[in-house]
C-alpha cells in the first residue's frame, strides 16, 4: 500500500474511533497491511487509542494489533492505581506479555507502591515479575 493511501486510512481510523463508529474503525484497521496495523499506535491520538482500548472486545482486529495499541496506551499514562487495575484486568483477560511489561517497568522504576506490589505478585506469576518484585523489595529495604 502506498504512503498516501496509508495516511488516508489512518485519518479514517482516527475519525471512526473518535466518533465511536466501531464497524468503520474495524473496517479501516483491517484494510491496512498487518505491518501497518502493528505500527498504528504511533499514529493515533491518545483519545483514539483509549477508545480502541475500551472497545477492544467488540473489535474484530488482529490480537497482536490490539496488544500493541493497549500496551502503548497504558504504558504512556502516568503510573497509578487506575492504570494498575486496568492492566491487571486486561492481563487476566488476555495474558498478553506486553501487558506484563507495564508492571515490570513500574517495578524497575520504583513507581509501584507496596500495596500495588503485593497485588502485582498475586496476579503476575512469571519468573521475571517475581525477580523484579524481589529486587523492588531489596531497594525498599523490605
Protein backbone atom coordinates (compact mmCIF):
# COMPACT_ATOMS: atom_id res chain seq x y z
CA UNK A 1 0.00 0.00 0.00
CA UNK A 2 1.47 3.36 -0.87
CA UNK A 3 2.11 6.08 1.71
CA UNK A 4 -0.77 8.33 0.62
CA UNK A 5 -3.32 5.54 0.95
CA UNK A 6 -1.98 4.51 4.35
CA UNK A 7 -2.12 8.11 5.59
CA UNK A 8 -5.68 8.48 4.31
CA UNK A 9 -6.71 5.27 6.06
CA UNK A 10 -5.10 6.37 9.32
CA UNK A 11 -7.16 9.57 9.18
CA UNK A 12 -10.31 7.48 8.63
CA UNK A 13 -9.35 5.23 11.56
CA UNK A 14 -8.84 8.24 13.82
CA UNK A 15 -12.17 9.72 12.75
CA UNK A 16 -14.06 6.43 13.20
CA UNK A 17 -12.56 5.95 16.68
CA UNK A 18 -13.35 9.46 17.86
CA UNK A 19 -16.91 9.16 16.56
CA UNK A 20 -17.35 5.68 18.10
CA UNK A 21 -18.14 4.14 14.70
CA UNK A 22 -16.84 0.71 15.60
CA UNK A 23 -17.79 -1.01 12.35
CA UNK A 24 -15.90 1.64 10.36
CA UNK A 25 -12.99 1.53 12.78
CA UNK A 26 -12.69 -2.22 12.40
CA UNK A 27 -13.08 -1.97 8.61
CA UNK A 28 -10.34 0.62 8.15
CA UNK A 29 -7.89 -1.05 10.51
CA UNK A 30 -8.33 -4.34 8.65
CA UNK A 31 -7.73 -2.54 5.32
CA UNK A 32 -4.12 -1.91 6.35
CA UNK A 33 -1.36 -4.46 5.89
CA UNK A 34 -0.57 -6.21 9.17
CA UNK A 35 2.79 -4.43 9.42
CA UNK A 36 1.00 -1.07 9.18
CA UNK A 37 -1.60 -2.21 11.71
CA UNK A 38 1.18 -3.07 14.16
CA UNK A 39 2.54 0.48 13.84
CA UNK A 40 -0.88 2.13 14.11
CA UNK A 41 -0.41 3.02 17.78
CA UNK A 42 2.29 5.50 16.76
CA UNK A 43 -0.08 7.47 14.54
CA UNK A 44 -3.28 7.79 16.56
CA UNK A 45 -4.26 10.35 19.16
CA UNK A 46 -4.45 9.49 22.84
CA UNK A 47 -8.26 9.69 22.63
CA UNK A 48 -8.44 7.30 19.68
CA UNK A 49 -6.13 4.84 21.43
CA UNK A 50 -8.26 4.99 24.57
CA UNK A 51 -11.44 4.30 22.61
CA UNK A 52 -9.85 1.30 20.91
CA UNK A 53 -8.64 0.04 24.30
CA UNK A 54 -12.09 0.45 25.84
CA UNK A 55 -13.83 -1.19 22.88
CA UNK A 56 -11.24 -3.95 22.35
CA UNK A 57 -13.68 -6.79 22.98
CA UNK A 58 -16.06 -5.54 20.31
CA UNK A 59 -13.40 -5.10 17.63
CA UNK A 60 -12.57 -7.96 15.27
CA UNK A 61 -8.98 -6.96 14.59
CA UNK A 62 -5.73 -8.87 14.97
CA UNK A 63 -4.95 -9.63 18.64
CA UNK A 64 -1.34 -8.55 18.16
CA UNK A 65 -2.57 -5.18 16.94
CA UNK A 66 -4.83 -4.85 19.98
CA UNK A 67 -1.93 -5.83 22.22
CA UNK A 68 0.35 -3.17 20.69
CA UNK A 69 -2.29 -0.45 20.93
CA UNK A 70 -3.26 -1.26 24.51
CA UNK A 71 0.35 -1.63 25.66
CA UNK A 72 1.29 1.68 24.07
CA UNK A 73 -1.70 3.49 25.52
CA UNK A 74 -1.31 2.18 29.07
CA UNK A 75 2.47 2.47 29.15
CA UNK A 76 2.26 6.15 28.18
CA UNK A 77 -0.04 7.03 31.05
CA UNK A 78 1.28 8.10 34.44
CA UNK A 79 1.50 5.11 36.77
CA UNK A 80 -1.48 4.97 39.13
CA UNK A 81 -3.85 2.60 40.88
CA UNK A 82 -6.23 3.01 37.94
CA UNK A 83 -3.55 2.06 35.39
CA UNK A 84 -2.59 -0.95 37.50
CA UNK A 85 -6.23 -2.03 37.85
CA UNK A 86 -6.81 -1.81 34.11
CA UNK A 87 -3.51 -3.53 33.36
CA UNK A 88 -4.48 -6.39 35.66
CA UNK A 89 -7.97 -6.68 34.19
CA UNK A 90 -6.60 -6.81 30.64
CA UNK A 91 -3.87 -9.26 31.62
CA UNK A 92 -6.41 -11.59 33.26
CA UNK A 93 -8.49 -11.40 30.10
CA UNK A 94 -5.65 -11.91 27.60
CA UNK A 95 -2.35 -12.99 29.26
CA UNK A 96 -0.52 -10.71 26.82
CA UNK A 97 3.20 -10.44 27.60
CA UNK A 98 3.27 -6.78 26.55
CA UNK A 99 0.77 -6.01 29.29
CA UNK A 100 3.02 -7.73 31.83
CA UNK A 101 5.83 -5.44 30.72
CA UNK A 102 3.88 -2.44 32.05
CA UNK A 103 4.13 -3.73 35.62
CA UNK A 104 7.76 -4.72 35.08
CA UNK A 105 8.62 -1.14 34.17
CA UNK A 106 6.74 0.18 37.21
CA UNK A 107 8.69 -2.20 39.44
CA UNK A 108 12.07 -1.44 37.87
CA UNK A 109 11.50 2.31 38.06
CA UNK A 110 10.25 2.15 41.68
CA UNK A 111 6.89 3.61 40.67
CA UNK A 112 4.87 0.84 42.32
CA UNK A 113 3.80 1.26 45.94
CA UNK A 114 3.94 -1.57 48.46
CA UNK A 115 0.22 -2.37 48.21
CA UNK A 116 0.47 -2.37 44.41
CA UNK A 117 3.47 -4.70 44.54
CA UNK A 118 1.50 -7.19 46.64
CA UNK A 119 -1.32 -7.06 44.11
CA UNK A 120 1.10 -7.47 41.20
CA UNK A 121 2.59 -10.54 42.91
CA UNK A 122 -0.88 -12.05 43.31
CA UNK A 123 -1.67 -11.71 39.60
CA UNK A 124 1.58 -11.95 37.65
CA UNK A 125 3.47 -15.18 38.36
CA UNK A 126 6.24 -15.12 35.76
CA UNK A 127 9.84 -15.58 36.85
CA UNK A 128 10.70 -12.07 35.72
CA UNK A 129 7.91 -10.44 37.72
CA UNK A 130 8.90 -12.48 40.78
CA UNK A 131 12.53 -11.42 40.30
CA UNK A 132 11.62 -7.75 39.88
CA UNK A 133 9.40 -7.84 42.97
CA UNK A 134 12.31 -9.24 44.96
CA UNK A 135 14.63 -6.52 43.63
CA UNK A 136 12.00 -3.88 44.43
CA UNK A 137 11.78 -5.18 48.00
CA UNK A 138 15.56 -5.09 48.34
CA UNK A 139 15.67 -1.49 47.12
CA UNK A 140 12.94 -0.59 49.62
CA UNK A 141 14.77 -2.35 52.47
CA UNK A 142 11.93 -4.85 52.96
